[in-house]
Protein backbone atom coordinates (compact mmCIF):
# COMPACT_ATOMS: atom_id res chain seq x y z
CA UNK A 1 -24.31 6.48 -33.52
CA UNK A 2 -20.51 5.85 -33.18
CA UNK A 3 -18.68 7.62 -29.96
CA UNK A 4 -15.97 10.27 -30.75
CA UNK A 5 -12.82 9.23 -29.16
CA UNK A 6 -11.19 12.20 -26.61
CA UNK A 7 -8.21 13.66 -28.53
CA UNK A 8 -4.80 12.56 -26.94
CA UNK A 9 -3.33 15.31 -25.32
CA UNK A 10 -1.02 13.54 -22.96
CA UNK A 11 2.03 11.32 -23.10
CA UNK A 12 0.89 8.72 -20.61
CA UNK A 13 4.00 6.48 -20.88
CA UNK A 14 6.41 9.97 -20.34
CA UNK A 15 4.37 10.84 -17.82
CA UNK A 16 5.00 7.31 -15.79
CA UNK A 17 8.72 7.34 -16.69
CA UNK A 18 9.30 10.79 -15.49
CA UNK A 19 7.39 10.01 -12.13
CA UNK A 20 9.67 6.99 -12.19
CA UNK A 21 12.75 9.39 -12.19
CA UNK A 22 11.54 11.29 -9.86
CA UNK A 23 10.90 9.11 -7.19
CA UNK A 24 14.44 7.68 -7.42
CA UNK A 25 16.06 10.69 -7.08
CA UNK A 26 14.34 12.92 -5.16
CA UNK A 27 14.70 16.43 -4.01
CA UNK A 28 14.16 17.66 -0.45
CA UNK A 29 10.92 19.72 -0.29
CA UNK A 30 9.73 19.65 -3.86
CA UNK A 31 6.55 16.99 -2.72
CA UNK A 32 5.10 20.38 -0.97
CA UNK A 33 2.04 20.05 -3.63
CA UNK A 34 1.37 16.59 -2.81
CA UNK A 35 1.84 17.06 0.83
CA UNK A 36 -0.54 20.15 1.34
CA UNK A 37 -3.12 17.92 -1.12
CA UNK A 38 -2.97 15.10 1.43
CA UNK A 39 -3.40 17.42 4.49
CA UNK A 40 -6.76 18.80 2.75
CA UNK A 41 -7.64 14.97 2.53
CA UNK A 42 -7.22 14.61 6.16
CA UNK A 43 -9.53 17.48 7.00
CA UNK A 44 -11.74 15.97 4.41
CA UNK A 45 -12.03 12.65 5.97
CA UNK A 46 -12.21 13.94 9.68
CA UNK A 47 -16.02 14.19 9.36
CA UNK A 48 -17.26 11.72 7.82
CA UNK A 49 -18.71 8.98 10.36
CA UNK A 50 -18.92 5.85 8.37
CA UNK A 51 -16.22 3.36 7.69
CA UNK A 52 -15.27 2.33 4.15
CA UNK A 53 -14.80 -1.56 3.34
CA UNK A 54 -12.18 -1.28 0.52
CA UNK A 55 -10.59 2.19 -0.62
CA UNK A 56 -8.34 2.93 -3.64
CA UNK A 57 -5.72 5.41 -3.58
CA UNK A 58 -5.38 6.02 -7.46
CA UNK A 59 -3.05 7.99 -9.58
CA UNK A 60 0.44 9.08 -10.70
CA UNK A 61 1.03 9.92 -7.03
CA UNK A 62 -0.88 7.02 -5.36
CA UNK A 63 0.66 5.93 -1.91
CA UNK A 64 0.59 9.41 0.07
CA UNK A 65 -3.31 9.40 0.14
CA UNK A 66 -3.21 5.81 1.12
CA UNK A 67 -0.74 6.42 4.22
CA UNK A 68 -3.57 9.24 5.06
CA UNK A 69 -6.72 6.71 4.78
CA UNK A 70 -4.92 4.24 6.96
CA UNK A 71 -4.01 7.09 9.39
CA UNK A 72 -7.76 8.10 9.34
CA UNK A 73 -8.57 4.44 10.33
CA UNK A 74 -11.87 4.56 8.35
CA UNK A 75 -11.27 2.16 5.51
CA UNK A 76 -10.58 -1.62 6.12
CA UNK A 77 -8.75 -2.39 3.11
CA UNK A 78 -6.75 0.29 1.31
CA UNK A 79 -5.34 -0.40 -2.19
CA UNK A 80 -2.67 1.75 -4.37
CA UNK A 81 -3.30 1.89 -8.27
CA UNK A 82 -0.71 3.49 -10.27
CA UNK A 83 0.64 3.97 -14.07
CA UNK A 84 3.56 3.78 -13.13
CA UNK A 85 4.88 0.22 -12.69
CA UNK A 86 7.92 0.72 -10.71
CA UNK A 87 5.67 2.65 -8.26
CA UNK A 88 5.41 -0.63 -6.02
CA UNK A 89 1.53 -0.10 -6.60
CA UNK A 90 -0.99 -2.86 -5.43
CA UNK A 91 -2.13 -2.46 -9.08
CA UNK A 92 -0.83 -0.84 -12.55
CA UNK A 93 -3.71 1.08 -13.82
CA UNK A 94 -4.42 3.38 -16.35
CA UNK A 95 -6.89 6.13 -15.41
CA UNK A 96 -8.81 5.99 -18.77
CA UNK A 97 -9.16 2.28 -18.75
CA UNK A 98 -10.10 1.27 -15.03
CA UNK A 99 -10.52 -2.62 -14.22
CA UNK A 100 -12.36 -2.36 -11.31
CA UNK A 101 -15.93 -4.09 -11.13
CA UNK A 102 -19.48 -2.38 -10.96
CA UNK A 103 -19.90 -1.19 -7.36
CA UNK A 104 -16.79 -2.88 -6.15
CA UNK A 105 -15.10 0.12 -4.41
CA UNK A 106 -16.40 2.08 -1.33
CA UNK A 107 -13.94 4.92 -1.40
CA UNK A 108 -11.91 6.44 -4.30
CA UNK A 109 -9.29 8.70 -3.92
CA UNK A 110 -6.80 10.53 -6.32
CA UNK A 111 -4.38 13.18 -5.92
CA UNK A 112 -2.91 15.52 -8.14
CA UNK A 113 -3.49 13.09 -10.90
CA UNK A 114 -6.33 13.44 -13.41
CA UNK A 115 -5.39 16.39 -14.65
CA UNK A 116 -3.23 14.53 -17.06
CA UNK A 117 -6.10 12.36 -18.38
CA UNK A 118 -7.28 12.81 -21.91
CA UNK A 119 -10.77 11.88 -20.89
CA UNK A 120 -11.84 13.46 -17.86
CA UNK A 121 -15.64 12.80 -18.04
CA UNK A 122 -15.01 9.54 -19.32
CA UNK A 123 -12.70 8.79 -16.05
CA UNK A 124 -15.24 10.10 -13.64
CA UNK A 125 -17.75 8.15 -14.94
CA UNK A 126 -15.73 5.04 -14.60
CA UNK A 127 -14.90 5.77 -11.20
CA UNK A 128 -18.73 6.51 -10.41
CA UNK A 129 -19.64 3.08 -11.94
CA UNK A 130 -17.05 1.41 -9.70
CA UNK A 131 -18.32 2.87 -6.47
CA UNK A 132 -21.04 1.19 -4.18
CA UNK A 133 -23.97 3.12 -3.29
CA UNK A 134 -23.22 5.67 -1.33
CA UNK A 135 -19.64 5.00 -1.73
CA UNK A 136 -17.18 8.44 -1.68
CA UNK A 137 -14.92 10.18 -4.14
CA UNK A 138 -12.36 12.71 -3.51
CA UNK A 139 -10.21 14.07 -5.47
CA UNK A 140 -7.58 17.04 -6.07
CA UNK A 141 -6.28 18.50 -9.33
CA UNK A 142 -4.19 21.32 -10.20
CA UNK A 143 -5.90 24.57 -11.13
CA UNK A 144 -5.70 26.98 -13.99
CA UNK A 145 -3.91 29.86 -11.93
CA UNK A 146 -0.69 27.18 -11.35
CA UNK A 147 2.40 28.61 -12.29
CA UNK A 148 0.98 31.83 -14.28
CA UNK A 149 3.89 33.51 -14.00
CA UNK A 150 6.13 30.62 -15.29
CA UNK A 151 3.52 30.49 -18.12
CA UNK A 152 3.56 34.03 -19.13
CA UNK A 153 7.44 34.12 -18.90
CA UNK A 154 8.14 31.39 -20.89
CA UNK A 155 5.61 32.40 -23.75
CA UNK A 156 6.88 35.90 -23.71
CA UNK A 157 10.33 35.02 -24.23
CA UNK A 158 9.69 32.09 -26.74
CA UNK A 159 7.49 34.81 -28.75
CA UNK A 160 10.13 37.48 -28.38
CA UNK A 161 12.94 34.68 -29.63
CA UNK A 162 11.17 32.92 -31.97
CA UNK A 163 8.09 34.62 -33.40
CA UNK A 164 5.61 31.82 -32.27
CA UNK A 165 4.80 29.62 -29.36
CA UNK A 166 4.95 25.88 -28.92
CA UNK A 167 2.09 23.81 -26.83
CA UNK A 168 3.54 24.19 -23.03
CA UNK A 169 0.34 24.31 -20.90
CA UNK A 170 -2.04 21.85 -20.31
CA UNK A 171 -5.67 22.23 -20.19
CA UNK A 172 -6.97 22.86 -16.78
CA UNK A 173 -10.41 21.98 -15.48
CA UNK A 174 -11.83 25.45 -13.50
CA UNK A 175 -14.20 24.83 -9.99
CA UNK A 176 -17.16 25.50 -11.56
CA UNK A 177 -16.96 22.82 -14.52
CA UNK A 178 -15.62 20.21 -12.48
CA UNK A 179 -18.70 20.46 -10.49
CA UNK A 180 -20.54 20.21 -14.06
CA UNK A 181 -18.86 17.22 -14.42
CA UNK A 182 -19.44 15.51 -11.36
CA UNK A 183 -22.90 15.75 -12.15
CA UNK A 184 -22.98 14.71 -15.50
CA UNK A 185 -21.15 11.54 -14.09
CA UNK A 186 -23.83 10.65 -11.89
CA UNK A 187 -22.28 11.65 -8.86
CA UNK A 188 -24.92 13.31 -5.83
CA UNK A 189 -23.87 15.89 -3.94
CA UNK A 190 -20.99 17.35 -5.40
CA UNK A 191 -18.69 19.52 -4.03
CA UNK A 192 -15.72 21.57 -5.41
CA UNK A 193 -13.53 24.68 -4.11
CA UNK A 194 -10.27 26.10 -4.72
CA UNK A 195 -6.91 26.41 -2.83
CA UNK A 196 -4.82 29.14 -3.93
CA UNK A 197 -1.54 30.51 -2.61
CA UNK A 198 2.49 31.36 -3.39
CA UNK A 199 5.75 29.67 -2.91
CA UNK A 200 8.71 31.78 -3.57
CA UNK A 201 11.94 30.82 -5.00
CA UNK A 202 15.37 32.49 -5.46
CA UNK A 203 15.09 32.06 -9.01
CA UNK A 204 13.45 30.43 -11.79
CA UNK A 205 15.69 28.01 -12.26
CA UNK A 206 14.72 26.87 -8.52
CA UNK A 207 11.22 26.63 -9.36
CA UNK A 208 11.74 24.44 -12.74
CA UNK A 209 13.95 22.05 -10.61
CA UNK A 210 11.23 21.41 -8.29
CA UNK A 211 8.81 20.86 -11.16
CA UNK A 212 11.25 18.20 -12.66
CA UNK A 213 11.34 16.61 -9.03
CA UNK A 214 7.78 16.37 -9.01
CA UNK A 215 7.63 14.57 -12.76
CA UNK A 216 4.99 17.62 -13.49
CA UNK A 217 7.42 18.62 -16.85
CA UNK A 218 5.50 19.18 -20.05
CA UNK A 219 4.07 16.14 -21.02
CA UNK A 220 1.79 17.24 -24.12
CA UNK A 221 1.73 14.41 -27.00
CA UNK A 222 2.32 17.69 -29.36
CA UNK A 223 5.23 19.66 -27.37
CA UNK A 224 8.36 20.78 -29.19
CA UNK A 225 10.74 18.05 -29.40
CA UNK A 226 13.76 19.93 -29.50
CA UNK A 227 15.44 20.73 -26.67
CA UNK A 228 14.63 24.33 -25.15
CA UNK A 229 17.59 26.48 -25.93
CA UNK A 230 19.51 27.84 -22.84
CA UNK A 231 19.14 31.71 -24.70
CA UNK A 232 15.31 31.40 -24.39
CA UNK A 233 15.29 30.10 -20.38
CA UNK A 234 17.89 33.44 -19.68
CA UNK A 235 15.16 35.59 -21.29
CA UNK A 236 12.42 33.95 -19.71
CA UNK A 237 13.93 33.95 -16.22
CA UNK A 238 14.92 37.75 -16.63
CA UNK A 239 10.87 38.40 -17.58
CA UNK A 240 10.11 36.21 -14.63
CA UNK A 241 12.47 38.58 -12.13
CA UNK A 242 11.36 42.02 -14.03
CA UNK A 243 7.59 40.88 -13.71
CA UNK A 244 7.02 38.53 -10.24
CA UNK A 245 9.65 39.67 -7.43
CA UNK A 246 9.24 40.74 -4.07
CA UNK A 247 11.25 43.47 -2.58
CA UNK A 248 13.63 40.92 -1.19
CA UNK A 249 14.64 39.52 -4.87
CA UNK A 250 12.37 36.54 -4.37
CA UNK A 251 9.96 35.54 -6.90
CA UNK A 252 6.57 34.34 -6.47
CA UNK A 253 5.00 31.15 -7.93
CA UNK A 254 1.21 30.88 -7.74
CA UNK A 255 -0.31 27.41 -7.41
CA UNK A 256 -3.91 26.29 -7.27
CA UNK A 257 -5.33 22.87 -6.07
CA UNK A 258 -8.82 22.35 -7.14
CA UNK A 259 -10.35 20.02 -4.75
CA UNK A 260 -13.85 17.48 -5.55
CA UNK A 261 -15.80 15.34 -3.65
CA UNK A 262 -18.91 13.10 -4.76
CA UNK A 263 -21.23 10.27 -3.60
CA UNK A 264 -22.53 7.51 -5.55
CA UNK A 265 -26.24 7.91 -5.14
CA UNK A 266 -27.87 6.33 -2.19
CA UNK A 267 -31.92 6.61 -0.79
CA UNK A 268 -30.46 7.88 2.07
CA UNK A 269 -28.86 10.53 0.88
CA UNK A 270 -29.84 14.36 1.33
CA UNK A 271 -32.40 15.11 -1.61
CA UNK A 272 -32.90 18.80 -2.95
CA UNK A 273 -35.97 20.25 -2.25
CA UNK A 274 -38.52 20.12 -4.99
CA UNK A 275 -39.43 23.02 -6.75
CA UNK A 276 -42.62 24.67 -5.39
CA UNK A 277 -42.53 22.83 -2.32
CA UNK A 278 -41.61 25.59 -0.01
CA UNK A 279 -44.24 26.58 2.49
CA UNK A 280 -43.05 30.67 2.42
CA UNK A 281 -42.36 32.87 -0.30
CA UNK A 282 -39.11 34.36 -0.58
CA UNK A 283 -40.60 37.83 -0.24
CA UNK A 284 -42.54 36.72 2.85
CA UNK A 285 -39.27 35.36 4.31
CA UNK A 286 -37.77 38.86 3.65
CA UNK A 287 -40.42 40.26 5.46
CA UNK A 288 -40.13 38.63 8.30
CA UNK A 289 -36.70 39.47 9.12
CA UNK A 290 -36.61 41.57 12.25
CA UNK A 291 -36.17 45.57 11.63
CA UNK A 292 -33.02 47.33 12.97
CA UNK A 293 -35.63 49.34 15.40
CA UNK A 294 -37.14 45.65 16.70
CA UNK A 295 -33.65 44.40 17.70
């Protein structure tokens, strides 16, 4: 039986090129998403009571997480692995074809990158195989609520002006789906959660400028190759302001960061209880709770 290749969704060369341009022309404050993800990484590393001999910061935004890992003092060696050859990373790596030997890493971290891989299940399997037993994987991906206002405004403006809708929205993974993918990839003790927050802008064009500075504009292979007309953008800006402005005129932009963690299986890890091993039934446990009169 032959395996079916994952459909090609993203222009990976374009992603690397845009990331390089964004790095060459930084926009002050436009890295707030990555900064928030790295702050959360600090919190996730804090309670981990072990050291990792070899850690890798993997992905388009590799570098910031490596700084956080070194700052934590919990890794002996920290490598950066990025798709963009101009990023100054230790390794030039495509997340869909990882070069690491089985059981050669102890910690893999990826910040705001894995939402841009064509075969996320396959990439997770490769990361799992690269981890030594009891190795840790920590990731942050953009979730499905990200930029819902901008997507709605652009879609309605495009339908209104052209009668159709071009491919603009990348497929996002949900919290529950990501947990299931971690389990399928063989991770133990998978945990996922979501952080939704709102950023406010003076105009839709300020938001778009931030996205360009992140290198995060439309990377789909099937994207429309014609430049988007100024008239469409102006109409989208009108719709955005009509629907998503606060009382002071500033516009809301929703972002969602989905975080994930999982461990390479090891015999020392906590195991779920076997079905039927409980010594008390649920009914008995409920009946054993004190009544209000007993308190």
